[in-house]
Every structure is written in structure tokens, then in C-alpha cells.
Amino acid sequence: WHAQIATGKNAYYDPRKLAELRERV
């Protein structure tokens, strides 16, 4: 439940920037 709340708060983002982040990680 706590993880779902955090997920919901952090699921609004630019997918292009997430792709760049994932590639770096």
C-alpha cells in the first residue's frame, strides 16, 4: 500500500528523460 502511494506520486514524467536515466544507470 505504501509502495503504491509512492508509485502514484512518481508516475508523471517525460518518458524521454526516463529512458536517458535508465541508459545511464
mmCIF file of all heavy atoms, coordinates in Angstrom:
data_MODEL
# 
_entry.id   MODEL 
# 
loop_
_atom_site.group_PDB 
_atom_site.id 
_atom_site.type_symbol 
_atom_site.label_atom_id 
_atom_site.label_alt_id 
_atom_site.label_comp_id 
_atom_site.label_asym_id 
_atom_site.label_entity_id 
_atom_site.label_seq_id 
_atom_site.pdbx_PDB_ins_code 
_atom_site.Cartn_x 
_atom_site.Cartn_y 
_atom_site.Cartn_z 
_atom_site.occupancy 
_atom_site.B_iso_or_equiv 
_atom_site.pdbx_formal_charge 
_atom_site.auth_seq_id 
_atom_site.auth_comp_id 
_atom_site.auth_asym_id 
_atom_site.auth_atom_id 
_atom_site.pdbx_PDB_model_num 
ATOM 1   N N   . TRP A 1 1  ? 0.830  -1.210 0.000   1.00 0.00 ? 1  TRP A N   1 
ATOM 2   C CA  . TRP A 1 1  ? 0.000  0.000  0.000   1.00 0.00 ? 1  TRP A CA  1 
ATOM 3   C C   . TRP A 1 1  ? 0.861  1.256  0.000   1.00 0.00 ? 1  TRP A C   1 
ATOM 4   O O   . TRP A 1 1  ? 0.635  2.180  -0.779  1.00 0.00 ? 1  TRP A O   1 
ATOM 5   C CB  . TRP A 1 1  ? -0.931 -0.025 1.215   1.00 0.00 ? 1  TRP A CB  1 
ATOM 6   C CG  . TRP A 1 1  ? -1.788 1.197  1.355   1.00 0.00 ? 1  TRP A CG  1 
ATOM 7   C CD1 . TRP A 1 1  ? -2.765 1.618  0.493   1.00 0.00 ? 1  TRP A CD1 1 
ATOM 8   C CD2 . TRP A 1 1  ? -1.746 2.155  2.415   1.00 0.00 ? 1  TRP A CD2 1 
ATOM 9   N NE1 . TRP A 1 1  ? -3.340 2.785  0.961   1.00 0.00 ? 1  TRP A NE1 1 
ATOM 10  C CE2 . TRP A 1 1  ? -2.733 3.134  2.136   1.00 0.00 ? 1  TRP A CE2 1 
ATOM 11  C CE3 . TRP A 1 1  ? -0.984 2.274  3.573   1.00 0.00 ? 1  TRP A CE3 1 
ATOM 12  C CZ2 . TRP A 1 1  ? -2.951 4.218  2.980   1.00 0.00 ? 1  TRP A CZ2 1 
ATOM 13  C CZ3 . TRP A 1 1  ? -1.211 3.352  4.416   1.00 0.00 ? 1  TRP A CZ3 1 
ATOM 14  C CH2 . TRP A 1 1  ? -2.192 4.311  4.108   1.00 0.00 ? 1  TRP A CH2 1 
ATOM 15  N N   . HIS A 1 2  ? 1.865  1.291  0.875   1.00 0.00 ? 2  HIS A N   1 
ATOM 16  C CA  . HIS A 1 2  ? 2.765  2.451  0.915   1.00 0.00 ? 2  HIS A CA  1 
ATOM 17  C C   . HIS A 1 2  ? 3.519  2.595  -0.408  1.00 0.00 ? 2  HIS A C   1 
ATOM 18  O O   . HIS A 1 2  ? 3.720  3.712  -0.904  1.00 0.00 ? 2  HIS A O   1 
ATOM 19  C CB  . HIS A 1 2  ? 3.737  2.320  2.079   1.00 0.00 ? 2  HIS A CB  1 
ATOM 20  C CG  . HIS A 1 2  ? 3.126  2.571  3.427   1.00 0.00 ? 2  HIS A CG  1 
ATOM 21  N ND1 . HIS A 1 2  ? 2.753  3.826  3.868   1.00 0.00 ? 2  HIS A ND1 1 
ATOM 22  C CD2 . HIS A 1 2  ? 2.788  1.712  4.426   1.00 0.00 ? 2  HIS A CD2 1 
ATOM 23  C CE1 . HIS A 1 2  ? 2.226  3.742  5.075   1.00 0.00 ? 2  HIS A CE1 1 
ATOM 24  N NE2 . HIS A 1 2  ? 2.240  2.464  5.446   1.00 0.00 ? 2  HIS A NE2 1 
ATOM 25  N N   . ALA A 1 3  ? 3.925  1.457  -0.978  1.00 0.00 ? 3  ALA A N   1 
ATOM 26  C CA  . ALA A 1 3  ? 4.648  1.496  -2.251  1.00 0.00 ? 3  ALA A CA  1 
ATOM 27  C C   . ALA A 1 3  ? 3.749  2.000  -3.377  1.00 0.00 ? 3  ALA A C   1 
ATOM 28  O O   . ALA A 1 3  ? 4.194  2.745  -4.260  1.00 0.00 ? 3  ALA A O   1 
ATOM 29  C CB  . ALA A 1 3  ? 5.186  0.107  -2.584  1.00 0.00 ? 3  ALA A CB  1 
ATOM 30  N N   . GLN A 1 4  ? 2.471  1.609  -3.353  1.00 0.00 ? 4  GLN A N   1 
ATOM 31  C CA  . GLN A 1 4  ? 1.525  2.094  -4.367  1.00 0.00 ? 4  GLN A CA  1 
ATOM 32  C C   . GLN A 1 4  ? 1.362  3.610  -4.296  1.00 0.00 ? 4  GLN A C   1 
ATOM 33  O O   . GLN A 1 4  ? 1.281  4.279  -5.337  1.00 0.00 ? 4  GLN A O   1 
ATOM 34  C CB  . GLN A 1 4  ? 0.169  1.410  -4.183  1.00 0.00 ? 4  GLN A CB  1 
ATOM 35  C CG  . GLN A 1 4  ? 0.088  0.016  -4.770  1.00 0.00 ? 4  GLN A CG  1 
ATOM 36  C CD  . GLN A 1 4  ? -1.319 -0.542 -4.663  1.00 0.00 ? 4  GLN A CD  1 
ATOM 37  O OE1 . GLN A 1 4  ? -1.901 -0.600 -3.579  1.00 0.00 ? 4  GLN A OE1 1 
ATOM 38  N NE2 . GLN A 1 4  ? -1.872 -0.953 -5.787  1.00 0.00 ? 4  GLN A NE2 1 
ATOM 39  N N   . ILE A 1 5  ? 1.289  4.145  -3.088  1.00 0.00 ? 5  ILE A N   1 
ATOM 40  C CA  . ILE A 1 5  ? 1.155  5.599  -2.932  1.00 0.00 ? 5  ILE A CA  1 
ATOM 41  C C   . ILE A 1 5  ? 2.374  6.304  -3.528  1.00 0.00 ? 5  ILE A C   1 
ATOM 42  O O   . ILE A 1 5  ? 2.249  7.277  -4.293  1.00 0.00 ? 5  ILE A O   1 
ATOM 43  C CB  . ILE A 1 5  ? 0.978  5.962  -1.453  1.00 0.00 ? 5  ILE A CB  1 
ATOM 44  C CG1 . ILE A 1 5  ? -0.363 5.443  -0.930  1.00 0.00 ? 5  ILE A CG1 1 
ATOM 45  C CG2 . ILE A 1 5  ? 1.065  7.481  -1.262  1.00 0.00 ? 5  ILE A CG2 1 
ATOM 46  C CD1 . ILE A 1 5  ? -0.558 5.610  0.562   1.00 0.00 ? 5  ILE A CD1 1 
ATOM 47  N N   . ALA A 1 6  ? 3.563  5.805  -3.212  1.00 0.00 ? 6  ALA A N   1 
ATOM 48  C CA  . ALA A 1 6  ? 4.784  6.405  -3.759  1.00 0.00 ? 6  ALA A CA  1 
ATOM 49  C C   . ALA A 1 6  ? 4.834  6.261  -5.277  1.00 0.00 ? 6  ALA A C   1 
ATOM 50  O O   . ALA A 1 6  ? 5.263  7.180  -5.986  1.00 0.00 ? 6  ALA A O   1 
ATOM 51  C CB  . ALA A 1 6  ? 6.011  5.753  -3.124  1.00 0.00 ? 6  ALA A CB  1 
ATOM 52  N N   . THR A 1 7  ? 4.383  5.132  -5.767  1.00 0.00 ? 7  THR A N   1 
ATOM 53  C CA  . THR A 1 7  ? 4.363  4.906  -7.214  1.00 0.00 ? 7  THR A CA  1 
ATOM 54  C C   . THR A 1 7  ? 3.456  5.914  -7.900  1.00 0.00 ? 7  THR A C   1 
ATOM 55  O O   . THR A 1 7  ? 3.812  6.498  -8.932  1.00 0.00 ? 7  THR A O   1 
ATOM 56  C CB  . THR A 1 7  ? 3.892  3.476  -7.524  1.00 0.00 ? 7  THR A CB  1 
ATOM 57  O OG1 . THR A 1 7  ? 4.737  2.542  -6.862  1.00 0.00 ? 7  THR A OG1 1 
ATOM 58  C CG2 . THR A 1 7  ? 3.916  3.206  -9.022  1.00 0.00 ? 7  THR A CG2 1 
ATOM 59  N N   . GLY A 1 8  ? 2.261  6.108  -7.339  1.00 0.00 ? 8  GLY A N   1 
ATOM 60  C CA  . GLY A 1 8  ? 1.309  7.049  -7.919  1.00 0.00 ? 8  GLY A CA  1 
ATOM 61  C C   . GLY A 1 8  ? 1.836  8.467  -7.958  1.00 0.00 ? 8  GLY A C   1 
ATOM 62  O O   . GLY A 1 8  ? 1.623  9.201  -8.938  1.00 0.00 ? 8  GLY A O   1 
ATOM 63  N N   . LYS A 1 9  ? 2.545  8.867  -6.909  1.00 0.00 ? 9  LYS A N   1 
ATOM 64  C CA  . LYS A 1 9  ? 3.094  10.221 -6.841  1.00 0.00 ? 9  LYS A CA  1 
ATOM 65  C C   . LYS A 1 9  ? 4.189  10.437 -7.878  1.00 0.00 ? 9  LYS A C   1 
ATOM 66  O O   . LYS A 1 9  ? 4.452  11.578 -8.280  1.00 0.00 ? 9  LYS A O   1 
ATOM 67  C CB  . LYS A 1 9  ? 3.665  10.490 -5.440  1.00 0.00 ? 9  LYS A CB  1 
ATOM 68  C CG  . LYS A 1 9  ? 2.624  10.655 -4.355  1.00 0.00 ? 9  LYS A CG  1 
ATOM 69  C CD  . LYS A 1 9  ? 3.273  10.742 -2.991  1.00 0.00 ? 9  LYS A CD  1 
ATOM 70  C CE  . LYS A 1 9  ? 4.268  11.899 -2.897  1.00 0.00 ? 9  LYS A CE  1 
ATOM 71  N NZ  . LYS A 1 9  ? 4.882  11.985 -1.543  1.00 0.00 ? 9  LYS A NZ  1 
ATOM 72  N N   . ASN A 1 10 ? 4.835  9.350  -8.313  1.00 0.00 ? 10 ASN A N   1 
ATOM 73  C CA  . ASN A 1 10 ? 6.020  9.477  -9.159  1.00 0.00 ? 10 ASN A CA  1 
ATOM 74  C C   . ASN A 1 10 ? 5.847  8.812  -10.526 1.00 0.00 ? 10 ASN A C   1 
ATOM 75  O O   . ASN A 1 10 ? 6.810  8.310  -11.111 1.00 0.00 ? 10 ASN A O   1 
ATOM 76  C CB  . ASN A 1 10 ? 7.226  8.889  -8.431  1.00 0.00 ? 10 ASN A CB  1 
ATOM 77  C CG  . ASN A 1 10 ? 7.586  9.694  -7.204  1.00 0.00 ? 10 ASN A CG  1 
ATOM 78  O OD1 . ASN A 1 10 ? 8.117  10.794 -7.302  1.00 0.00 ? 10 ASN A OD1 1 
ATOM 79  N ND2 . ASN A 1 10 ? 7.270  9.158  -6.031  1.00 0.00 ? 10 ASN A ND2 1 
ATOM 80  N N   . ALA A 1 11 ? 4.618  8.842  -11.037 1.00 0.00 ? 11 ALA A N   1 
ATOM 81  C CA  . ALA A 1 11 ? 4.338  8.260  -12.355 1.00 0.00 ? 11 ALA A CA  1 
ATOM 82  C C   . ALA A 1 11 ? 3.899  9.328  -13.346 1.00 0.00 ? 11 ALA A C   1 
ATOM 83  O O   . ALA A 1 11 ? 3.125  9.063  -14.265 1.00 0.00 ? 11 ALA A O   1 
ATOM 84  C CB  . ALA A 1 11 ? 3.265  7.176  -12.237 1.00 0.00 ? 11 ALA A CB  1 
ATOM 85  N N   . TYR A 1 12 ? 4.398  10.542 -13.164 1.00 0.00 ? 12 TYR A N   1 
ATOM 86  C CA  . TYR A 1 12 ? 4.097  11.645 -14.073 1.00 0.00 ? 12 TYR A CA  1 
ATOM 87  C C   . TYR A 1 12 ? 5.436  12.252 -14.467 1.00 0.00 ? 12 TYR A C   1 
ATOM 88  O O   . TYR A 1 12 ? 6.064  12.977 -13.686 1.00 0.00 ? 12 TYR A O   1 
ATOM 89  C CB  . TYR A 1 12 ? 3.200  12.673 -13.373 1.00 0.00 ? 12 TYR A CB  1 
ATOM 90  C CG  . TYR A 1 12 ? 2.660  13.766 -14.270 1.00 0.00 ? 12 TYR A CG  1 
ATOM 91  C CD1 . TYR A 1 12 ? 2.015  13.464 -15.460 1.00 0.00 ? 12 TYR A CD1 1 
ATOM 92  C CD2 . TYR A 1 12 ? 2.791  15.105 -13.906 1.00 0.00 ? 12 TYR A CD2 1 
ATOM 93  C CE1 . TYR A 1 12 ? 1.498  14.470 -16.269 1.00 0.00 ? 12 TYR A CE1 1 
ATOM 94  C CE2 . TYR A 1 12 ? 2.272  16.116 -14.704 1.00 0.00 ? 12 TYR A CE2 1 
ATOM 95  C CZ  . TYR A 1 12 ? 1.632  15.789 -15.888 1.00 0.00 ? 12 TYR A CZ  1 
ATOM 96  O OH  . TYR A 1 12 ? 1.129  16.788 -16.693 1.00 0.00 ? 12 TYR A OH  1 
ATOM 97  N N   . TYR A 1 13 ? 5.902  11.901 -15.676 1.00 0.00 ? 13 TYR A N   1 
ATOM 98  C CA  . TYR A 1 13 ? 7.266  12.233 -16.065 1.00 0.00 ? 13 TYR A CA  1 
ATOM 99  C C   . TYR A 1 13 ? 7.380  12.208 -17.593 1.00 0.00 ? 13 TYR A C   1 
ATOM 100 O O   . TYR A 1 13 ? 6.521  11.658 -18.295 1.00 0.00 ? 13 TYR A O   1 
ATOM 101 C CB  . TYR A 1 13 ? 8.247  11.218 -15.467 1.00 0.00 ? 13 TYR A CB  1 
ATOM 102 C CG  . TYR A 1 13 ? 7.880  9.783  -15.791 1.00 0.00 ? 13 TYR A CG  1 
ATOM 103 C CD1 . TYR A 1 13 ? 8.291  9.191  -16.987 1.00 0.00 ? 13 TYR A CD1 1 
ATOM 104 C CD2 . TYR A 1 13 ? 7.092  9.023  -14.934 1.00 0.00 ? 13 TYR A CD2 1 
ATOM 105 C CE1 . TYR A 1 13 ? 7.934  7.888  -17.311 1.00 0.00 ? 13 TYR A CE1 1 
ATOM 106 C CE2 . TYR A 1 13 ? 6.732  7.726  -15.243 1.00 0.00 ? 13 TYR A CE2 1 
ATOM 107 C CZ  . TYR A 1 13 ? 7.147  7.164  -16.427 1.00 0.00 ? 13 TYR A CZ  1 
ATOM 108 O OH  . TYR A 1 13 ? 6.773  5.887  -16.746 1.00 0.00 ? 13 TYR A OH  1 
ATOM 109 N N   . ASP A 1 14 ? 8.458  12.783 -18.093 1.00 0.00 ? 14 ASP A N   1 
ATOM 110 C CA  . ASP A 1 14 ? 8.764  12.762 -19.516 1.00 0.00 ? 14 ASP A CA  1 
ATOM 111 C C   . ASP A 1 14 ? 9.458  11.440 -19.835 1.00 0.00 ? 14 ASP A C   1 
ATOM 112 O O   . ASP A 1 14 ? 10.586 11.208 -19.371 1.00 0.00 ? 14 ASP A O   1 
ATOM 113 C CB  . ASP A 1 14 ? 9.675  13.939 -19.866 1.00 0.00 ? 14 ASP A CB  1 
ATOM 114 C CG  . ASP A 1 14 ? 9.941  14.066 -21.358 1.00 0.00 ? 14 ASP A CG  1 
ATOM 115 O OD1 . ASP A 1 14 ? 9.838  13.052 -22.078 1.00 0.00 ? 14 ASP A OD1 1 
ATOM 116 O OD2 . ASP A 1 14 ? 10.267 15.184 -21.809 1.00 0.00 ? 14 ASP A OD2 1 
ATOM 117 N N   . PRO A 1 15 ? 8.838  10.535 -20.603 1.00 0.00 ? 15 PRO A N   1 
ATOM 118 C CA  . PRO A 1 15 ? 9.440  9.220  -20.866 1.00 0.00 ? 15 PRO A CA  1 
ATOM 119 C C   . PRO A 1 15 ? 10.802 9.301  -21.553 1.00 0.00 ? 15 PRO A C   1 
ATOM 120 O O   . PRO A 1 15 ? 11.627 8.398  -21.398 1.00 0.00 ? 15 PRO A O   1 
ATOM 121 C CB  . PRO A 1 15 ? 8.413  8.533  -21.773 1.00 0.00 ? 15 PRO A CB  1 
ATOM 122 C CG  . PRO A 1 15 ? 7.133  9.218  -21.488 1.00 0.00 ? 15 PRO A CG  1 
ATOM 123 C CD  . PRO A 1 15 ? 7.497  10.650 -21.208 1.00 0.00 ? 15 PRO A CD  1 
ATOM 124 N N   . ARG A 1 16 ? 11.047 10.360 -22.306 1.00 0.00 ? 16 ARG A N   1 
ATOM 125 C CA  . ARG A 1 16 ? 12.350 10.500 -22.954 1.00 0.00 ? 16 ARG A CA  1 
ATOM 126 C C   . ARG A 1 16 ? 13.454 10.679 -21.916 1.00 0.00 ? 16 ARG A C   1 
ATOM 127 O O   . ARG A 1 16 ? 14.549 10.106 -22.052 1.00 0.00 ? 16 ARG A O   1 
ATOM 128 C CB  . ARG A 1 16 ? 12.318 11.695 -23.913 1.00 0.00 ? 16 ARG A CB  1 
ATOM 129 C CG  . ARG A 1 16 ? 11.371 11.521 -25.090 1.00 0.00 ? 16 ARG A CG  1 
ATOM 130 C CD  . ARG A 1 16 ? 11.129 12.841 -25.801 1.00 0.00 ? 16 ARG A CD  1 
ATOM 131 N NE  . ARG A 1 16 ? 10.393 13.784 -24.949 1.00 0.00 ? 16 ARG A NE  1 
ATOM 132 C CZ  . ARG A 1 16 ? 10.019 14.997 -25.344 1.00 0.00 ? 16 ARG A CZ  1 
ATOM 133 N NH1 . ARG A 1 16 ? 10.312 15.410 -26.572 1.00 0.00 ? 16 ARG A NH1 1 
ATOM 134 N NH2 . ARG A 1 16 ? 9.349  15.795 -24.524 1.00 0.00 ? 16 ARG A NH2 1 
ATOM 135 N N   . LYS A 1 17 ? 13.171 11.451 -20.877 1.00 0.00 ? 17 LYS A N   1 
ATOM 136 C CA  . LYS A 1 17 ? 14.169 11.660 -19.825 1.00 0.00 ? 17 LYS A CA  1 
ATOM 137 C C   . LYS A 1 17 ? 14.359 10.396 -18.989 1.00 0.00 ? 17 LYS A C   1 
ATOM 138 O O   . LYS A 1 17 ? 15.464 10.109 -18.524 1.00 0.00 ? 17 LYS A O   1 
ATOM 139 C CB  . LYS A 1 17 ? 13.760 12.838 -18.955 1.00 0.00 ? 17 LYS A CB  1 
ATOM 140 C CG  . LYS A 1 17 ? 13.807 14.166 -19.710 1.00 0.00 ? 17 LYS A CG  1 
ATOM 141 C CD  . LYS A 1 17 ? 13.459 15.341 -18.810 1.00 0.00 ? 17 LYS A CD  1 
ATOM 142 C CE  . LYS A 1 17 ? 13.552 16.659 -19.583 1.00 0.00 ? 17 LYS A CE  1 
ATOM 143 N NZ  . LYS A 1 17 ? 13.214 17.824 -18.737 1.00 0.00 ? 17 LYS A NZ  1 
ATOM 144 N N   . LEU A 1 18 ? 13.269 9.633  -18.785 1.00 0.00 ? 18 LEU A N   1 
ATOM 145 C CA  . LEU A 1 18 ? 13.407 8.374  -18.059 1.00 0.00 ? 18 LEU A CA  1 
ATOM 146 C C   . LEU A 1 18 ? 14.276 7.404  -18.854 1.00 0.00 ? 18 LEU A C   1 
ATOM 147 O O   . LEU A 1 18 ? 15.106 6.691  -18.282 1.00 0.00 ? 18 LEU A O   1 
ATOM 148 C CB  . LEU A 1 18 ? 12.035 7.751  -17.790 1.00 0.00 ? 18 LEU A CB  1 
ATOM 149 C CG  . LEU A 1 18 ? 12.069 6.386  -17.103 1.00 0.00 ? 18 LEU A CG  1 
ATOM 150 C CD1 . LEU A 1 18 ? 12.753 6.468  -15.742 1.00 0.00 ? 18 LEU A CD1 1 
ATOM 151 C CD2 . LEU A 1 18 ? 10.653 5.819  -16.956 1.00 0.00 ? 18 LEU A CD2 1 
ATOM 152 N N   . ALA A 1 19 ? 14.103 7.366  -20.169 1.00 0.00 ? 19 ALA A N   1 
ATOM 153 C CA  . ALA A 1 19 ? 14.923 6.480  -20.997 1.00 0.00 ? 19 ALA A CA  1 
ATOM 154 C C   . ALA A 1 19 ? 16.399 6.840  -20.885 1.00 0.00 ? 19 ALA A C   1 
ATOM 155 O O   . ALA A 1 19 ? 17.271 5.955  -20.807 1.00 0.00 ? 19 ALA A O   1 
ATOM 156 C CB  . ALA A 1 19 ? 14.464 6.556  -22.454 1.00 0.00 ? 19 ALA A CB  1 
ATOM 157 N N   . GLU A 1 20 ? 16.699 8.132  -20.852 1.00 0.00 ? 20 GLU A N   1 
ATOM 158 C CA  . GLU A 1 20 ? 18.089 8.581  -20.698 1.00 0.00 ? 20 GLU A CA  1 
ATOM 159 C C   . GLU A 1 20 ? 18.639 8.168  -19.333 1.00 0.00 ? 20 GLU A C   1 
ATOM 160 O O   . GLU A 1 20 ? 19.789 7.709  -19.223 1.00 0.00 ? 20 GLU A O   1 
ATOM 161 C CB  . GLU A 1 20 ? 18.168 10.095 -20.859 1.00 0.00 ? 20 GLU A CB  1 
ATOM 162 C CG  . GLU A 1 20 ? 17.842 10.586 -22.275 1.00 0.00 ? 20 GLU A CG  1 
ATOM 163 C CD  . GLU A 1 20 ? 17.695 12.098 -22.337 1.00 0.00 ? 20 GLU A CD  1 
ATOM 164 O OE1 . GLU A 1 20 ? 17.820 12.760 -21.267 1.00 0.00 ? 20 GLU A OE1 1 
ATOM 165 O OE2 . GLU A 1 20 ? 17.446 12.624 -23.440 1.00 0.00 ? 20 GLU A OE2 1 
ATOM 166 N N   . LEU A 1 21 ? 17.807 8.321  -18.293 1.00 0.00 ? 21 LEU A N   1 
ATOM 167 C CA  . LEU A 1 21 ? 18.218 7.930  -16.949 1.00 0.00 ? 21 LEU A CA  1 
ATOM 168 C C   . LEU A 1 21 ? 18.496 6.436  -16.882 1.00 0.00 ? 21 LEU A C   1 
ATOM 169 O O   . LEU A 1 21 ? 19.520 5.999  -16.334 1.00 0.00 ? 21 LEU A O   1 
ATOM 170 C CB  . LEU A 1 21 ? 17.124 8.305  -15.948 1.00 0.00 ? 21 LEU A CB  1 
ATOM 171 C CG  . LEU A 1 21 ? 17.264 7.746  -14.531 1.00 0.00 ? 21 LEU A CG  1 
ATOM 172 C CD1 . LEU A 1 21 ? 18.515 8.305  -13.858 1.00 0.00 ? 21 LEU A CD1 1 
ATOM 173 C CD2 . LEU A 1 21 ? 16.021 8.044  -13.705 1.00 0.00 ? 21 LEU A CD2 1 
ATOM 174 N N   . ARG A 1 22 ? 17.596 5.640  -17.433 1.00 0.00 ? 22 ARG A N   1 
ATOM 175 C CA  . ARG A 1 22 ? 17.762 4.188  -17.383 1.00 0.00 ? 22 ARG A CA  1 
ATOM 176 C C   . ARG A 1 22 ? 19.037 3.765  -18.117 1.00 0.00 ? 22 ARG A C   1 
ATOM 177 O O   . ARG A 1 22 ? 19.784 2.907  -17.621 1.00 0.00 ? 22 ARG A O   1 
ATOM 178 C CB  . ARG A 1 22 ? 16.549 3.499  -17.987 1.00 0.00 ? 22 ARG A CB  1 
ATOM 179 C CG  . ARG A 1 22 ? 16.656 1.990  -18.016 1.00 0.00 ? 22 ARG A CG  1 
ATOM 180 C CD  . ARG A 1 22 ? 15.379 1.340  -18.464 1.00 0.00 ? 22 ARG A CD  1 
ATOM 181 N NE  . ARG A 1 22 ? 15.534 -0.086 -18.604 1.00 0.00 ? 22 ARG A NE  1 
ATOM 182 C CZ  . ARG A 1 22 ? 14.548 -0.913 -18.934 1.00 0.00 ? 22 ARG A CZ  1 
ATOM 183 N NH1 . ARG A 1 22 ? 13.329 -0.421 -19.136 1.00 0.00 ? 22 ARG A NH1 1 
ATOM 184 N NH2 . ARG A 1 22 ? 14.772 -2.199 -19.043 1.00 0.00 ? 22 ARG A NH2 1 
ATOM 185 N N   . GLU A 1 23 ? 19.306 4.367  -19.266 1.00 0.00 ? 23 GLU A N   1 
ATOM 186 C CA  . GLU A 1 23 ? 20.519 4.032  -20.014 1.00 0.00 ? 23 GLU A CA  1 
ATOM 187 C C   . GLU A 1 23 ? 21.762 4.342  -19.183 1.00 0.00 ? 23 GLU A C   1 
ATOM 188 O O   . GLU A 1 23 ? 22.715 3.557  -19.141 1.00 0.00 ? 23 GLU A O   1 
ATOM 189 C CB  . GLU A 1 23 ? 20.540 4.819  -21.324 1.00 0.00 ? 23 GLU A CB  1 
ATOM 190 C CG  . GLU A 1 23 ? 21.727 4.493  -22.212 1.00 0.00 ? 23 GLU A CG  1 
ATOM 191 C CD  . GLU A 1 23 ? 21.699 5.255  -23.529 1.00 0.00 ? 23 GLU A CD  1 
ATOM 192 O OE1 . GLU A 1 23 ? 20.760 6.048  -23.740 1.00 0.00 ? 23 GLU A OE1 1 
ATOM 193 O OE2 . GLU A 1 23 ? 22.622 5.060  -24.345 1.00 0.00 ? 23 GLU A OE2 1 
ATOM 194 N N   . ARG A 1 24 ? 21.754 5.473  -18.497 1.00 0.00 ? 24 ARG A N   1 
ATOM 195 C CA  . ARG A 1 24 ? 22.898 5.838  -17.658 1.00 0.00 ? 24 ARG A CA  1 
ATOM 196 C C   . ARG A 1 24 ? 23.084 4.858  -16.503 1.00 0.00 ? 24 ARG A C   1 
ATOM 197 O O   . ARG A 1 24 ? 24.212 4.421  -16.215 1.00 0.00 ? 24 ARG A O   1 
ATOM 198 C CB  . ARG A 1 24 ? 22.729 7.263  -17.128 1.00 0.00 ? 24 ARG A CB  1 
ATOM 199 C CG  . ARG A 1 24 ? 23.825 7.682  -16.157 1.00 0.00 ? 24 ARG A CG  1 
ATOM 200 C CD  . ARG A 1 24 ? 23.724 9.142  -15.772 1.00 0.00 ? 24 ARG A CD  1 
ATOM 201 N NE  . ARG A 1 24 ? 22.491 9.472  -15.069 1.00 0.00 ? 24 ARG A NE  1 
ATOM 202 C CZ  . ARG A 1 24 ? 22.275 9.233  -13.783 1.00 0.00 ? 24 ARG A CZ  1 
ATOM 203 N NH1 . ARG A 1 24 ? 23.199 8.603  -13.056 1.00 0.00 ? 24 ARG A NH1 1 
ATOM 204 N NH2 . ARG A 1 24 ? 21.137 9.597  -13.216 1.00 0.00 ? 24 ARG A NH2 1 
ATOM 205 N N   . VAL A 1 25 ? 21.970 4.512  -15.840 1.00 0.00 ? 25 VAL A N   1 
ATOM 206 C CA  . VAL A 1 25 ? 22.046 3.591  -14.701 1.00 0.00 ? 25 VAL A CA  1 
ATOM 207 C C   . VAL A 1 25 ? 22.550 2.220  -15.145 1.00 0.00 ? 25 VAL A C   1 
ATOM 208 O O   . VAL A 1 25 ? 23.381 1.590  -14.464 1.00 0.00 ? 25 VAL A O   1 
ATOM 209 C CB  . VAL A 1 25 ? 20.676 3.480  -14.004 1.00 0.00 ? 25 VAL A CB  1 
ATOM 210 C CG1 . VAL A 1 25 ? 20.680 2.335  -12.993 1.00 0.00 ? 25 VAL A CG1 1 
ATOM 211 C CG2 . VAL A 1 25 ? 20.318 4.781  -13.314 1.00 0.00 ? 25 VAL A CG2 1 
# 
